[in-house]
Amino acid sequence: MTKYRNTPKPRHIMPPRRLTETRKVRTPDGHTIHLSIGYDPNDDGRPREVFYSAGFKSGSQLEFQIQDACVMLSLLLQHGHRPEEIAKSLARVEQPDGTMTYASISGLIVDELVTASISPQG
C-alpha cells in the first residue's frame, strides 16, 4: 500500500527580481497566445512560474481557464515538479499528418515550459 505524505514539499519562494521571458505560442486552431515564463536565478534558470499574457478575448471563459491552468502549473513548478514530469501525464492526439500533439492548451503551455527548461539565455 502506498503511503502518502501529509504535507507537500515546501514551496520554493521566488526572489523579487528574476528573469522573465515572454513567448508566443501558436495553437493548432491558429490562435497565438502570449506567455511570460519566470526563471529561478538560483537554479540555472529553471522555470518556476508561467503567466498568461494575451491571445483570447478578454473576460472569456477560455481566458480564465488558461489563467487558472498557469497558476496551477506555477504551483507545481514551485513545489519541485519539472516540466518534463508534468508533460508525461498530459493527453495527446494524433494529427492528420501522423504526428502527435498535445490535446489541450495546457499541454501546449507545458511543452513551452519544457523548451524553456533547456536554457532561457539560449
Protein backbone atom coordinates (compact mmCIF):
# COMPACT_ATOMS: atom_id res chain seq x y z
CA MET A 1 0.00 0.00 0.00
CA THR A 2 1.31 3.46 -0.93
CA LYS A 3 1.97 5.80 1.94
CA TYR A 4 1.10 9.40 1.16
CA ARG A 5 2.75 12.42 2.70
CA ASN A 6 0.60 14.56 4.96
CA THR A 7 2.16 17.70 3.56
CA PRO A 8 3.58 18.58 0.13
CA LYS A 9 7.18 19.54 -0.45
CA PRO A 10 7.79 23.13 0.69
CA ARG A 11 7.02 25.77 -1.88
CA HIS A 12 10.05 27.37 -3.50
CA ILE A 13 9.76 31.12 -2.94
CA MET A 14 10.90 33.14 -5.93
CA PRO A 15 13.17 36.16 -5.39
CA PRO A 16 11.51 39.54 -6.01
CA ARG A 17 13.70 40.21 -9.07
CA ARG A 18 14.13 37.49 -11.67
CA LEU A 19 14.46 36.90 -15.38
CA THR A 20 11.12 36.76 -17.17
CA GLU A 21 10.75 35.91 -20.82
CA THR A 22 7.60 36.44 -22.90
CA ARG A 23 6.96 33.87 -25.61
CA LYS A 24 4.39 33.47 -28.37
CA VAL A 25 2.74 30.07 -28.65
CA ARG A 26 0.63 29.10 -31.67
CA THR A 27 -2.29 26.75 -31.09
CA PRO A 28 -3.39 24.13 -33.65
CA ASP A 29 -6.51 26.29 -34.20
CA GLY A 30 -4.37 29.20 -35.37
CA HIS A 31 -4.55 31.38 -32.24
CA THR A 32 -1.43 32.98 -30.82
CA ILE A 33 -1.15 33.21 -27.06
CA HIS A 34 1.48 35.11 -25.12
CA LEU A 35 3.07 33.54 -22.06
CA SER A 36 5.51 35.03 -19.58
CA ILE A 37 7.87 32.50 -18.00
CA GLY A 38 9.67 33.38 -14.76
CA TYR A 39 13.05 31.72 -14.17
CA ASP A 40 14.78 30.88 -10.91
CA PRO A 41 18.14 32.73 -10.97
CA ASN A 42 19.43 30.47 -8.17
CA ASP A 43 18.76 27.22 -10.06
CA ASP A 44 20.36 27.55 -13.52
CA GLY A 45 17.43 29.44 -14.97
CA ARG A 46 14.86 26.76 -14.15
CA PRO A 47 11.30 27.85 -14.99
CA ARG A 48 9.28 28.26 -11.80
CA GLU A 49 6.23 30.20 -12.94
CA VAL A 50 4.16 30.90 -16.02
CA PHE A 51 1.61 33.62 -16.67
CA TYR A 52 -0.86 34.02 -19.49
CA SER A 53 -0.50 37.48 -21.06
CA ALA A 54 -2.83 37.69 -24.06
CA GLY A 55 -4.38 35.89 -27.00
CA PHE A 56 -8.04 35.24 -26.29
CA LYS A 57 -10.99 37.55 -25.80
CA SER A 58 -10.62 39.46 -22.54
CA GLY A 59 -13.06 38.20 -19.93
CA SER A 60 -13.88 34.99 -21.82
CA GLN A 61 -14.25 31.61 -20.14
CA LEU A 62 -11.27 30.31 -22.14
CA GLU A 63 -9.07 33.16 -20.93
CA PHE A 64 -9.96 32.38 -17.29
CA GLN A 65 -9.29 28.67 -17.80
CA ILE A 66 -5.83 29.38 -19.21
CA GLN A 67 -5.04 31.81 -16.39
CA ASP A 68 -6.07 29.21 -13.82
CA ALA A 69 -4.05 26.49 -15.58
CA CYS A 70 -0.99 28.77 -15.42
CA VAL A 71 -1.49 29.27 -11.68
CA MET A 72 -1.71 25.51 -11.11
CA LEU A 73 1.35 24.86 -13.31
CA SER A 74 3.29 27.53 -11.42
CA LEU A 75 2.41 25.88 -8.11
CA LEU A 76 3.61 22.50 -9.42
CA LEU A 77 6.88 24.07 -10.57
CA GLN A 78 7.37 25.86 -7.25
CA HIS A 79 6.78 22.62 -5.34
CA GLY A 80 9.63 20.93 -7.20
CA HIS A 81 7.99 19.33 -10.22
CA ARG A 82 9.84 19.64 -13.50
CA PRO A 83 8.06 20.49 -16.76
CA GLU A 84 9.17 17.17 -18.29
CA GLU A 85 7.45 15.26 -15.46
CA ILE A 86 4.21 17.20 -15.93
CA ALA A 87 4.31 16.75 -19.72
CA LYS A 88 4.38 12.93 -19.43
CA SER A 89 0.93 12.94 -17.84
CA LEU A 90 -0.92 15.12 -20.36
CA ALA A 91 -3.19 13.92 -23.17
CA ARG A 92 -2.03 13.92 -26.78
CA VAL A 93 -3.87 13.49 -30.08
CA GLU A 94 -2.73 12.29 -33.47
CA GLN A 95 -2.74 14.90 -36.23
CA PRO A 96 -3.75 14.19 -39.85
CA ASP A 97 -0.07 14.01 -40.82
CA GLY A 98 0.53 11.29 -38.20
CA THR A 99 2.40 13.45 -35.69
CA MET A 100 1.32 13.67 -32.06
CA THR A 101 0.48 16.95 -30.37
CA TYR A 102 -0.95 17.96 -27.01
CA ALA A 103 -4.73 17.73 -26.82
CA SER A 104 -5.17 20.96 -24.84
CA ILE A 105 -3.79 24.44 -24.49
CA SER A 106 -2.47 23.40 -21.07
CA GLY A 107 -0.35 20.81 -22.85
CA LEU A 108 0.99 23.43 -25.26
CA ILE A 109 1.93 25.62 -22.28
CA VAL A 110 3.77 22.75 -20.58
CA ASP A 111 5.54 21.94 -23.86
CA GLU A 112 6.74 25.56 -23.96
CA LEU A 113 8.00 25.17 -20.37
CA VAL A 114 9.93 22.04 -21.39
CA THR A 115 11.57 24.02 -24.19
CA ALA A 116 12.26 26.89 -21.77
CA SER A 117 13.90 24.46 -19.32
CA ILE A 118 16.74 23.90 -21.74
CA SER A 119 18.06 27.43 -21.32
CA PRO A 120 16.39 30.84 -21.16
CA GLN A 121 19.51 32.60 -22.45
CA GLY A 122 19.98 30.26 -25.42
